[in-house]
Amino acid sequence: MPLAMFERILDYPMLYDGVAGHLFGEAFLHPDLLEMTKLCHEKNIKFGFSTNTLGLDLEFLGKLIDAGLGWL
């Protein structure tokens, strides 16, 4: 999902207070994952995803946590 589309979707009312980022495939492969995390955090929306952790990089995980990662 392109970042611009993701950002527009966040402006619509939601049934829950969270967004599941794993619905667009393996989350760690998405080039805008960090920015998506920040956008959700700025709007007080919990952002998280499930992952097989094959793309897990501890440095990047730290950046996600700093950006406001809600759950993993």
N, C-alpha and C. Protein backbone atom coordinates (compact mmCIF):
# COMPACT_ATOMS: atom_id res chain seq x y z
N MET A 1 0.85 -1.16 0.00
CA MET A 1 0.00 0.00 0.00
C MET A 1 0.90 1.24 0.00
N PRO A 2 0.66 2.16 -0.89
CA PRO A 2 1.45 3.39 -0.91
C PRO A 2 1.22 4.22 0.37
N LEU A 3 2.25 4.94 0.77
CA LEU A 3 2.18 5.73 1.99
C LEU A 3 1.06 6.77 1.94
N ALA A 4 0.88 7.42 0.81
CA ALA A 4 -0.17 8.45 0.69
C ALA A 4 -1.56 7.86 0.93
N MET A 5 -1.81 6.67 0.41
CA MET A 5 -3.10 6.01 0.63
C MET A 5 -3.28 5.64 2.10
N PHE A 6 -2.21 5.10 2.70
CA PHE A 6 -2.25 4.73 4.11
C PHE A 6 -2.57 5.95 4.97
N GLU A 7 -1.94 7.08 4.67
CA GLU A 7 -2.17 8.31 5.44
C GLU A 7 -3.62 8.78 5.31
N ARG A 8 -4.18 8.70 4.13
CA ARG A 8 -5.59 9.11 3.94
C ARG A 8 -6.54 8.22 4.71
N ILE A 9 -6.27 6.93 4.73
CA ILE A 9 -7.13 5.98 5.44
C ILE A 9 -7.19 6.31 6.93
N LEU A 10 -6.08 6.78 7.49
CA LEU A 10 -6.04 7.10 8.92
C LEU A 10 -6.98 8.24 9.30
N ASP A 11 -7.43 9.01 8.32
CA ASP A 11 -8.35 10.13 8.60
C ASP A 11 -9.80 9.68 8.74
N TYR A 12 -10.10 8.43 8.38
CA TYR A 12 -11.47 7.93 8.47
C TYR A 12 -11.73 7.31 9.84
N PRO A 13 -12.98 7.38 10.31
CA PRO A 13 -13.30 6.77 11.61
C PRO A 13 -12.99 5.27 11.60
N MET A 14 -12.51 4.79 12.74
CA MET A 14 -12.16 3.38 12.86
C MET A 14 -12.97 2.73 13.97
N LEU A 15 -13.24 1.47 13.79
CA LEU A 15 -13.97 0.70 14.79
C LEU A 15 -13.09 0.43 16.01
N TYR A 16 -11.80 0.23 15.77
CA TYR A 16 -10.85 -0.07 16.85
C TYR A 16 -9.79 1.03 16.92
N ASP A 17 -8.97 1.00 17.96
CA ASP A 17 -7.94 2.02 18.12
C ASP A 17 -6.59 1.54 17.63
N GLY A 18 -6.58 0.61 16.69
CA GLY A 18 -5.32 0.08 16.20
C GLY A 18 -5.38 -0.30 14.74
N VAL A 19 -4.20 -0.38 14.13
CA VAL A 19 -4.06 -0.76 12.74
C VAL A 19 -3.11 -1.94 12.66
N ALA A 20 -3.51 -2.97 11.93
CA ALA A 20 -2.66 -4.14 11.73
C ALA A 20 -1.89 -3.99 10.42
N GLY A 21 -0.60 -3.82 10.53
CA GLY A 21 0.23 -3.61 9.35
C GLY A 21 0.64 -4.87 8.62
N HIS A 22 0.25 -6.03 9.11
CA HIS A 22 0.64 -7.27 8.44
C HIS A 22 -0.29 -7.65 7.29
N LEU A 23 -1.31 -6.90 7.07
CA LEU A 23 -2.27 -7.24 6.03
C LEU A 23 -1.76 -6.90 4.64
N PHE A 24 -0.62 -6.20 4.55
CA PHE A 24 -0.06 -5.92 3.23
C PHE A 24 1.17 -6.77 2.95
N GLY A 25 1.28 -7.90 3.58
CA GLY A 25 2.40 -8.81 3.38
C GLY A 25 3.39 -8.73 4.54
N GLU A 26 4.59 -9.25 4.36
CA GLU A 26 5.61 -9.20 5.40
C GLU A 26 5.97 -7.74 5.68
N ALA A 27 5.66 -7.29 6.86
CA ALA A 27 5.78 -5.88 7.21
C ALA A 27 7.20 -5.35 7.09
N PHE A 28 8.21 -6.14 7.46
CA PHE A 28 9.58 -5.66 7.40
C PHE A 28 10.07 -5.40 5.97
N LEU A 29 9.33 -5.87 4.97
CA LEU A 29 9.70 -5.61 3.58
C LEU A 29 9.13 -4.31 3.05
N HIS A 30 8.20 -3.70 3.79
CA HIS A 30 7.58 -2.46 3.29
C HIS A 30 8.54 -1.29 3.47
N PRO A 31 8.80 -0.54 2.39
CA PRO A 31 9.78 0.55 2.48
C PRO A 31 9.36 1.71 3.39
N ASP A 32 8.07 1.85 3.67
CA ASP A 32 7.59 2.98 4.47
C ASP A 32 7.12 2.56 5.86
N LEU A 33 7.56 1.42 6.33
CA LEU A 33 7.09 0.90 7.61
C LEU A 33 7.35 1.87 8.76
N LEU A 34 8.50 2.46 8.80
CA LEU A 34 8.84 3.39 9.87
C LEU A 34 7.94 4.63 9.82
N GLU A 35 7.71 5.15 8.64
CA GLU A 35 6.85 6.33 8.49
C GLU A 35 5.40 5.99 8.83
N MET A 36 4.93 4.82 8.47
CA MET A 36 3.56 4.39 8.82
C MET A 36 3.40 4.32 10.33
N THR A 37 4.42 3.81 10.99
CA THR A 37 4.40 3.73 12.45
C THR A 37 4.30 5.12 13.07
N LYS A 38 5.09 6.05 12.56
CA LYS A 38 5.07 7.43 13.07
C LYS A 38 3.72 8.09 12.83
N LEU A 39 3.15 7.89 11.65
CA LEU A 39 1.85 8.50 11.34
C LEU A 39 0.77 8.03 12.31
N CYS A 40 0.75 6.74 12.56
CA CYS A 40 -0.24 6.21 13.50
C CYS A 40 -0.01 6.76 14.90
N HIS A 41 1.23 6.79 15.33
CA HIS A 41 1.54 7.29 16.67
C HIS A 41 1.10 8.74 16.83
N GLU A 42 1.32 9.55 15.81
CA GLU A 42 0.91 10.96 15.85
C GLU A 42 -0.60 11.11 15.98
N LYS A 43 -1.36 10.13 15.47
CA LYS A 43 -2.82 10.19 15.53
C LYS A 43 -3.38 9.35 16.68
N ASN A 44 -2.50 8.93 17.59
CA ASN A 44 -2.89 8.11 18.75
C ASN A 44 -3.59 6.82 18.34
N ILE A 45 -3.09 6.22 17.27
CA ILE A 45 -3.58 4.94 16.78
C ILE A 45 -2.47 3.92 16.99
N LYS A 46 -2.78 2.81 17.64
CA LYS A 46 -1.77 1.77 17.85
C LYS A 46 -1.49 1.08 16.52
N PHE A 47 -0.21 0.96 16.20
CA PHE A 47 0.20 0.30 14.96
C PHE A 47 1.10 -0.86 15.30
N GLY A 48 0.82 -2.01 14.72
CA GLY A 48 1.64 -3.19 14.94
C GLY A 48 1.42 -4.19 13.83
N PHE A 49 2.14 -5.28 13.92
CA PHE A 49 2.06 -6.28 12.87
C PHE A 49 2.61 -7.60 13.37
N SER A 50 2.19 -8.67 12.69
CA SER A 50 2.81 -9.97 12.94
C SER A 50 3.89 -10.15 11.88
N THR A 51 4.89 -10.94 12.19
CA THR A 51 6.00 -11.13 11.28
C THR A 51 6.63 -12.49 11.50
N ASN A 52 7.27 -13.00 10.46
CA ASN A 52 8.01 -14.25 10.60
C ASN A 52 9.43 -13.96 11.11
N THR A 53 9.77 -12.73 11.31
CA THR A 53 11.04 -12.18 11.84
C THR A 53 12.25 -12.46 10.95
N LEU A 54 12.06 -12.96 9.74
CA LEU A 54 13.20 -13.18 8.86
C LEU A 54 13.89 -11.87 8.50
N GLY A 55 13.13 -10.79 8.44
CA GLY A 55 13.71 -9.48 8.14
C GLY A 55 14.01 -8.66 9.37
N LEU A 56 14.00 -9.28 10.53
CA LEU A 56 14.18 -8.55 11.78
C LEU A 56 15.62 -8.07 11.92
N ASP A 57 15.76 -6.80 12.12
CA ASP A 57 17.04 -6.16 12.37
C ASP A 57 16.86 -5.40 13.67
N LEU A 58 17.65 -5.70 14.68
CA LEU A 58 17.44 -5.10 16.00
C LEU A 58 17.58 -3.59 16.00
N GLU A 59 18.45 -3.06 15.15
CA GLU A 59 18.58 -1.60 15.06
C GLU A 59 17.29 -0.98 14.52
N PHE A 60 16.74 -1.59 13.46
CA PHE A 60 15.49 -1.09 12.89
C PHE A 60 14.33 -1.28 13.85
N LEU A 61 14.32 -2.38 14.57
CA LEU A 61 13.28 -2.61 15.57
C LEU A 61 13.32 -1.50 16.63
N GLY A 62 14.50 -1.09 17.04
CA GLY A 62 14.64 0.02 17.98
C GLY A 62 14.06 1.30 17.42
N LYS A 63 14.28 1.55 16.14
CA LYS A 63 13.71 2.75 15.49
C LYS A 63 12.18 2.68 15.47
N LEU A 64 11.65 1.48 15.22
CA LEU A 64 10.20 1.32 15.23
C LEU A 64 9.62 1.59 16.62
N ILE A 65 10.29 1.09 17.62
CA ILE A 65 9.82 1.32 19.00
C ILE A 65 9.87 2.81 19.32
N ASP A 66 10.94 3.47 18.93
CA ASP A 66 11.05 4.92 19.14
C ASP A 66 9.98 5.69 18.37
N ALA A 67 9.56 5.15 17.22
CA ALA A 67 8.54 5.80 16.40
C ALA A 67 7.12 5.57 16.95
N GLY A 68 6.99 4.68 17.96
CA GLY A 68 5.70 4.48 18.57
C GLY A 68 5.04 3.15 18.26
N LEU A 69 5.81 2.13 17.93
CA LEU A 69 5.24 0.82 17.65
C LEU A 69 4.33 0.39 18.79
N GLY A 70 3.10 0.02 18.48
CA GLY A 70 2.11 -0.32 19.49
C GLY A 70 2.14 -1.77 19.93
N TRP A 71 2.45 -2.67 19.01
CA TRP A 71 2.47 -4.10 19.32
C TRP A 71 3.23 -4.84 18.23
N LEU A 72 3.68 -6.03 18.57
CA LEU A 72 4.41 -6.86 17.61
C LEU A 72 4.04 -8.30 17.85
